[in-house]
Amino acid sequence: MAFVKVCGVDDLGPRGFNAFYLMDVGVEVLVLRDRTGELRAFDGVCPHEDYPLVEGQFDGATITCAAHGWIIDASTGKGVSPPTCRIPAYPIKIEGNEIYVDFDTELNA
């Protein structure tokens, strides 16, 4: 599959993150700009009960699920609380103003 166009950089909005459902891939992807300014892409649902992470809080360093308060590191996708959880992280590339994600490769598997 390789890299798939997900969105434009401007589509991240004022909160610095947004979710996009890609019908062709069957994935909801969460794209964010972390506190270091790095763009990152993750699976967009909480591993606890498949709740959309875009509904939660993002402070530049962590994502907190709105459903049950699970906290995920926004640079790795690994759980902070509980530490055993994780969301898949995917490679990302920028071409011009467009963001592309490779769903065939998980960075934190």
N, C-alpha and C. Protein backbone atom coordinates (compact mmCIF):
# COMPACT_ATOMS: atom_id res chain seq x y z
N MET A 1 0.83 -1.19 0.00
CA MET A 1 0.00 0.00 0.00
C MET A 1 0.87 1.25 0.00
N ALA A 2 1.93 1.25 0.76
CA ALA A 2 2.84 2.39 0.89
C ALA A 2 2.14 3.59 1.52
N PHE A 3 2.61 4.77 1.21
CA PHE A 3 2.06 5.98 1.83
C PHE A 3 0.74 6.38 1.17
N VAL A 4 -0.22 6.77 2.03
CA VAL A 4 -1.55 7.18 1.60
C VAL A 4 -1.78 8.61 2.06
N LYS A 5 -2.33 9.45 1.18
CA LYS A 5 -2.64 10.82 1.56
C LYS A 5 -3.77 10.81 2.59
N VAL A 6 -3.53 11.52 3.71
CA VAL A 6 -4.51 11.57 4.79
C VAL A 6 -5.18 12.93 4.88
N CYS A 7 -4.39 14.00 4.85
CA CYS A 7 -4.94 15.33 5.06
C CYS A 7 -3.90 16.38 4.70
N GLY A 8 -4.28 17.64 4.84
CA GLY A 8 -3.33 18.73 4.72
C GLY A 8 -2.85 19.15 6.10
N VAL A 9 -1.70 19.75 6.18
CA VAL A 9 -1.16 20.21 7.46
C VAL A 9 -2.14 21.15 8.16
N ASP A 10 -2.81 22.00 7.39
CA ASP A 10 -3.77 22.95 7.96
C ASP A 10 -5.01 22.27 8.54
N ASP A 11 -5.25 21.01 8.20
CA ASP A 11 -6.42 20.29 8.69
C ASP A 11 -6.29 19.84 10.15
N LEU A 12 -5.13 20.06 10.76
CA LEU A 12 -4.95 19.66 12.15
C LEU A 12 -5.71 20.58 13.10
N GLY A 13 -6.02 21.78 12.65
CA GLY A 13 -6.85 22.69 13.43
C GLY A 13 -6.13 23.31 14.62
N PRO A 14 -6.86 24.10 15.39
CA PRO A 14 -6.25 24.86 16.48
C PRO A 14 -5.78 24.00 17.65
N ARG A 15 -6.33 22.80 17.81
CA ARG A 15 -5.90 21.93 18.91
C ARG A 15 -4.61 21.19 18.58
N GLY A 16 -4.18 21.23 17.32
CA GLY A 16 -2.94 20.55 16.92
C GLY A 16 -3.10 19.07 16.67
N PHE A 17 -4.35 18.60 16.63
CA PHE A 17 -4.58 17.21 16.26
C PHE A 17 -5.99 17.05 15.71
N ASN A 18 -6.15 16.01 14.90
CA ASN A 18 -7.44 15.74 14.30
C ASN A 18 -7.46 14.28 13.85
N ALA A 19 -8.65 13.73 13.68
CA ALA A 19 -8.80 12.35 13.24
C ALA A 19 -9.44 12.33 11.86
N PHE A 20 -9.06 11.34 11.08
CA PHE A 20 -9.55 11.18 9.72
C PHE A 20 -9.84 9.71 9.49
N TYR A 21 -11.07 9.41 9.03
CA TYR A 21 -11.42 8.03 8.71
C TYR A 21 -11.14 7.81 7.22
N LEU A 22 -10.32 6.81 6.93
CA LEU A 22 -9.96 6.49 5.55
C LEU A 22 -10.69 5.22 5.14
N MET A 23 -11.74 5.39 4.37
CA MET A 23 -12.57 4.26 3.96
C MET A 23 -11.78 3.21 3.20
N ASP A 24 -10.89 3.63 2.32
CA ASP A 24 -10.12 2.68 1.51
C ASP A 24 -9.22 1.79 2.35
N VAL A 25 -8.76 2.32 3.47
CA VAL A 25 -7.85 1.58 4.34
C VAL A 25 -8.61 0.93 5.50
N GLY A 26 -9.76 1.50 5.85
CA GLY A 26 -10.54 0.99 6.97
C GLY A 26 -9.94 1.34 8.32
N VAL A 27 -9.32 2.52 8.38
CA VAL A 27 -8.63 2.95 9.60
C VAL A 27 -9.03 4.38 9.93
N GLU A 28 -9.23 4.64 11.25
CA GLU A 28 -9.33 6.02 11.70
C GLU A 28 -7.95 6.38 12.21
N VAL A 29 -7.37 7.38 11.61
CA VAL A 29 -6.01 7.79 11.97
C VAL A 29 -6.05 9.13 12.70
N LEU A 30 -5.27 9.22 13.76
CA LEU A 30 -5.12 10.45 14.52
C LEU A 30 -3.79 11.07 14.12
N VAL A 31 -3.84 12.28 13.59
CA VAL A 31 -2.61 12.99 13.20
C VAL A 31 -2.45 14.16 14.15
N LEU A 32 -1.23 14.33 14.66
CA LEU A 32 -1.00 15.39 15.64
C LEU A 32 0.39 16.00 15.47
N ARG A 33 0.52 17.19 16.06
CA ARG A 33 1.82 17.85 16.15
C ARG A 33 2.18 17.84 17.63
N ASP A 34 3.24 17.06 17.99
CA ASP A 34 3.58 16.96 19.40
C ASP A 34 4.29 18.22 19.89
N ARG A 35 4.62 18.25 21.16
CA ARG A 35 5.17 19.47 21.76
C ARG A 35 6.52 19.86 21.17
N THR A 36 7.22 18.93 20.52
CA THR A 36 8.50 19.27 19.88
C THR A 36 8.28 19.81 18.46
N GLY A 37 7.02 19.79 17.99
CA GLY A 37 6.71 20.26 16.64
C GLY A 37 6.68 19.15 15.61
N GLU A 38 6.96 17.93 16.04
CA GLU A 38 6.99 16.78 15.14
C GLU A 38 5.58 16.31 14.82
N LEU A 39 5.31 16.02 13.56
CA LEU A 39 4.02 15.45 13.16
C LEU A 39 4.07 13.95 13.36
N ARG A 40 2.98 13.40 13.89
CA ARG A 40 2.90 11.97 14.19
C ARG A 40 1.54 11.44 13.77
N ALA A 41 1.49 10.14 13.47
CA ALA A 41 0.23 9.49 13.09
C ALA A 41 0.04 8.22 13.92
N PHE A 42 -1.16 8.05 14.46
CA PHE A 42 -1.50 6.91 15.30
C PHE A 42 -2.88 6.38 14.91
N ASP A 43 -3.14 5.14 15.34
CA ASP A 43 -4.49 4.63 15.26
C ASP A 43 -5.36 5.56 16.09
N GLY A 44 -6.53 5.92 15.59
CA GLY A 44 -7.34 6.97 16.21
C GLY A 44 -8.33 6.53 17.26
N VAL A 45 -8.29 5.27 17.68
CA VAL A 45 -9.24 4.80 18.70
C VAL A 45 -8.50 4.26 19.92
N CYS A 46 -9.08 4.49 21.07
CA CYS A 46 -8.51 4.00 22.33
C CYS A 46 -8.57 2.48 22.34
N PRO A 47 -7.50 1.81 22.76
CA PRO A 47 -7.51 0.35 22.78
C PRO A 47 -8.40 -0.24 23.87
N HIS A 48 -8.90 0.58 24.76
CA HIS A 48 -9.75 0.10 25.85
C HIS A 48 -11.13 -0.29 25.35
N GLU A 49 -11.83 0.66 24.73
CA GLU A 49 -13.18 0.36 24.24
C GLU A 49 -13.46 1.02 22.89
N ASP A 50 -12.44 1.16 22.08
CA ASP A 50 -12.57 1.72 20.73
C ASP A 50 -13.23 3.09 20.70
N TYR A 51 -12.97 3.91 21.71
CA TYR A 51 -13.52 5.26 21.76
C TYR A 51 -12.62 6.19 20.95
N PRO A 52 -13.18 7.13 20.17
CA PRO A 52 -12.36 8.02 19.34
C PRO A 52 -11.47 8.93 20.19
N LEU A 53 -10.18 8.82 20.00
CA LEU A 53 -9.23 9.62 20.78
C LEU A 53 -9.32 11.12 20.49
N VAL A 54 -9.82 11.48 19.32
CA VAL A 54 -9.95 12.90 18.98
C VAL A 54 -10.94 13.60 19.92
N GLU A 55 -11.79 12.85 20.58
CA GLU A 55 -12.75 13.41 21.53
C GLU A 55 -12.09 13.76 22.87
N GLY A 56 -10.87 13.28 23.07
CA GLY A 56 -10.18 13.48 24.34
C GLY A 56 -9.36 14.76 24.38
N GLN A 57 -8.46 14.81 25.34
CA GLN A 57 -7.59 15.97 25.54
C GLN A 57 -6.20 15.69 24.98
N PHE A 58 -5.59 16.72 24.43
CA PHE A 58 -4.23 16.63 23.91
C PHE A 58 -3.47 17.86 24.38
N ASP A 59 -2.38 17.64 25.11
CA ASP A 59 -1.62 18.76 25.65
C ASP A 59 -0.25 18.94 25.00
N GLY A 60 -0.03 18.25 23.88
CA GLY A 60 1.25 18.33 23.19
C GLY A 60 2.19 17.19 23.57
N ALA A 61 1.95 16.59 24.74
CA ALA A 61 2.78 15.49 25.21
C ALA A 61 2.00 14.19 25.39
N THR A 62 0.72 14.32 25.78
CA THR A 62 -0.10 13.13 26.00
C THR A 62 -1.49 13.32 25.41
N ILE A 63 -2.12 12.18 25.14
CA ILE A 63 -3.51 12.11 24.70
C ILE A 63 -4.27 11.43 25.82
N THR A 64 -5.33 12.04 26.30
CA THR A 64 -6.15 11.44 27.35
C THR A 64 -7.51 11.10 26.77
N CYS A 65 -7.87 9.83 26.82
CA CYS A 65 -9.14 9.36 26.29
C CYS A 65 -10.29 9.95 27.12
N ALA A 66 -11.28 10.48 26.44
CA ALA A 66 -12.42 11.09 27.12
C ALA A 66 -13.33 10.06 27.79
N ALA A 67 -13.29 8.83 27.34
CA ALA A 67 -14.21 7.82 27.88
C ALA A 67 -13.82 7.36 29.28
N HIS A 68 -12.56 7.01 29.46
CA HIS A 68 -12.16 6.43 30.75
C HIS A 68 -10.83 6.96 31.27
N GLY A 69 -10.29 7.99 30.64
CA GLY A 69 -9.09 8.64 31.16
C GLY A 69 -7.78 7.95 30.90
N TRP A 70 -7.75 6.96 30.01
CA TRP A 70 -6.45 6.35 29.68
C TRP A 70 -5.56 7.42 29.07
N ILE A 71 -4.27 7.39 29.42
CA ILE A 71 -3.32 8.40 28.95
C ILE A 71 -2.27 7.73 28.09
N ILE A 72 -2.02 8.32 26.92
CA ILE A 72 -1.08 7.76 25.94
C ILE A 72 -0.05 8.80 25.58
N ASP A 73 1.22 8.38 25.52
CA ASP A 73 2.33 9.25 25.14
C ASP A 73 2.16 9.65 23.67
N ALA A 74 2.13 10.95 23.38
CA ALA A 74 1.88 11.44 22.03
C ALA A 74 3.11 11.39 21.13
N SER A 75 4.24 10.96 21.65
CA SER A 75 5.40 10.82 20.77
C SER A 75 5.67 9.36 20.41
N THR A 76 5.13 8.41 21.21
CA THR A 76 5.40 7.00 20.95
C THR A 76 4.14 6.16 20.74
N GLY A 77 3.00 6.59 21.29
CA GLY A 77 1.79 5.79 21.25
C GLY A 77 1.71 4.78 22.38
N LYS A 78 2.72 4.78 23.25
CA LYS A 78 2.73 3.84 24.37
C LYS A 78 1.96 4.39 25.55
N GLY A 79 1.39 3.49 26.33
CA GLY A 79 0.58 3.89 27.47
C GLY A 79 1.38 4.52 28.60
N VAL A 80 0.80 5.56 29.17
CA VAL A 80 1.32 6.16 30.39
C VAL A 80 0.51 5.60 31.55
N SER A 81 -0.81 5.57 31.37
CA SER A 81 -1.72 5.04 32.38
C SER A 81 -2.92 4.40 31.67
N PRO A 82 -3.00 3.11 31.61
CA PRO A 82 -2.07 2.13 32.15
C PRO A 82 -0.85 1.96 31.23
N PRO A 83 0.28 1.59 31.80
CA PRO A 83 1.50 1.47 31.00
C PRO A 83 1.49 0.29 30.02
N THR A 84 0.55 -0.60 30.17
CA THR A 84 0.48 -1.77 29.29
C THR A 84 -0.26 -1.51 27.98
N CYS A 85 -0.93 -0.37 27.86
CA CYS A 85 -1.67 -0.10 26.62
C CYS A 85 -0.76 0.57 25.59
N ARG A 86 -1.21 0.58 24.35
CA ARG A 86 -0.52 1.31 23.29
C ARG A 86 -1.47 1.45 22.11
N ILE A 87 -1.21 2.47 21.30
CA ILE A 87 -1.91 2.60 20.02
C ILE A 87 -0.86 2.52 18.93
N PRO A 88 -1.16 1.85 17.83
CA PRO A 88 -0.18 1.74 16.75
C PRO A 88 0.24 3.13 16.23
N ALA A 89 1.54 3.28 16.03
CA ALA A 89 2.11 4.50 15.44
C ALA A 89 2.57 4.16 14.03
N TYR A 90 2.37 5.10 13.11
CA TYR A 90 2.68 4.84 11.71
C TYR A 90 3.67 5.88 11.17
N PRO A 91 4.50 5.47 10.20
CA PRO A 91 5.39 6.44 9.56
C PRO A 91 4.58 7.52 8.85
N ILE A 92 5.14 8.71 8.85
CA ILE A 92 4.46 9.86 8.26
C ILE A 92 5.47 10.61 7.40
N LYS A 93 4.99 11.19 6.31
CA LYS A 93 5.85 12.06 5.51
C LYS A 93 5.01 13.24 5.03
N ILE A 94 5.69 14.34 4.80
CA ILE A 94 5.05 15.56 4.34
C ILE A 94 5.56 15.87 2.95
N GLU A 95 4.65 16.13 2.04
CA GLU A 95 4.99 16.60 0.69
C GLU A 95 4.21 17.87 0.46
N GLY A 96 4.92 18.98 0.41
CA GLY A 96 4.25 20.27 0.30
C GLY A 96 3.45 20.52 1.56
N ASN A 97 2.14 20.64 1.42
CA ASN A 97 1.25 20.85 2.56
C ASN A 97 0.45 19.59 2.89
N GLU A 98 0.77 18.47 2.24
CA GLU A 98 -0.01 17.25 2.39
C GLU A 98 0.69 16.25 3.32
N ILE A 99 -0.11 15.56 4.13
CA ILE A 99 0.40 14.56 5.06
C ILE A 99 0.04 13.18 4.53
N TYR A 100 1.06 12.31 4.46
CA TYR A 100 0.91 10.93 4.00
C TYR A 100 1.31 9.99 5.13
N VAL A 101 0.60 8.86 5.23
CA VAL A 101 0.88 7.89 6.28
C VAL A 101 1.01 6.51 5.65
N ASP A 102 1.97 5.72 6.16
CA ASP A 102 2.18 4.34 5.72
C ASP A 102 1.56 3.41 6.75
N PHE A 103 0.40 2.82 6.42
CA PHE A 103 -0.31 1.95 7.34
C PHE A 103 0.22 0.51 7.32
N ASP A 104 1.15 0.20 6.44
CA ASP A 104 1.72 -1.13 6.37
C ASP A 104 2.81 -1.35 7.41
N THR A 105 3.30 -0.28 8.02
CA THR A 105 4.41 -0.38 8.95
C THR A 105 4.02 0.25 10.28
N GLU A 106 4.16 -0.51 11.36
CA GLU A 106 3.93 0.02 12.69
C GLU A 106 5.27 0.33 13.32
N LEU A 107 5.40 1.56 13.82
CA LEU A 107 6.67 1.99 14.40
C LEU A 107 6.89 1.45 15.80
N ASN A 108 5.82 1.15 16.52
CA ASN A 108 5.96 0.73 17.91
C ASN A 108 5.45 -0.70 18.16
N ALA A 109 5.51 -1.53 17.12
CA ALA A 109 5.00 -2.91 17.25
C ALA A 109 5.87 -3.74 18.17
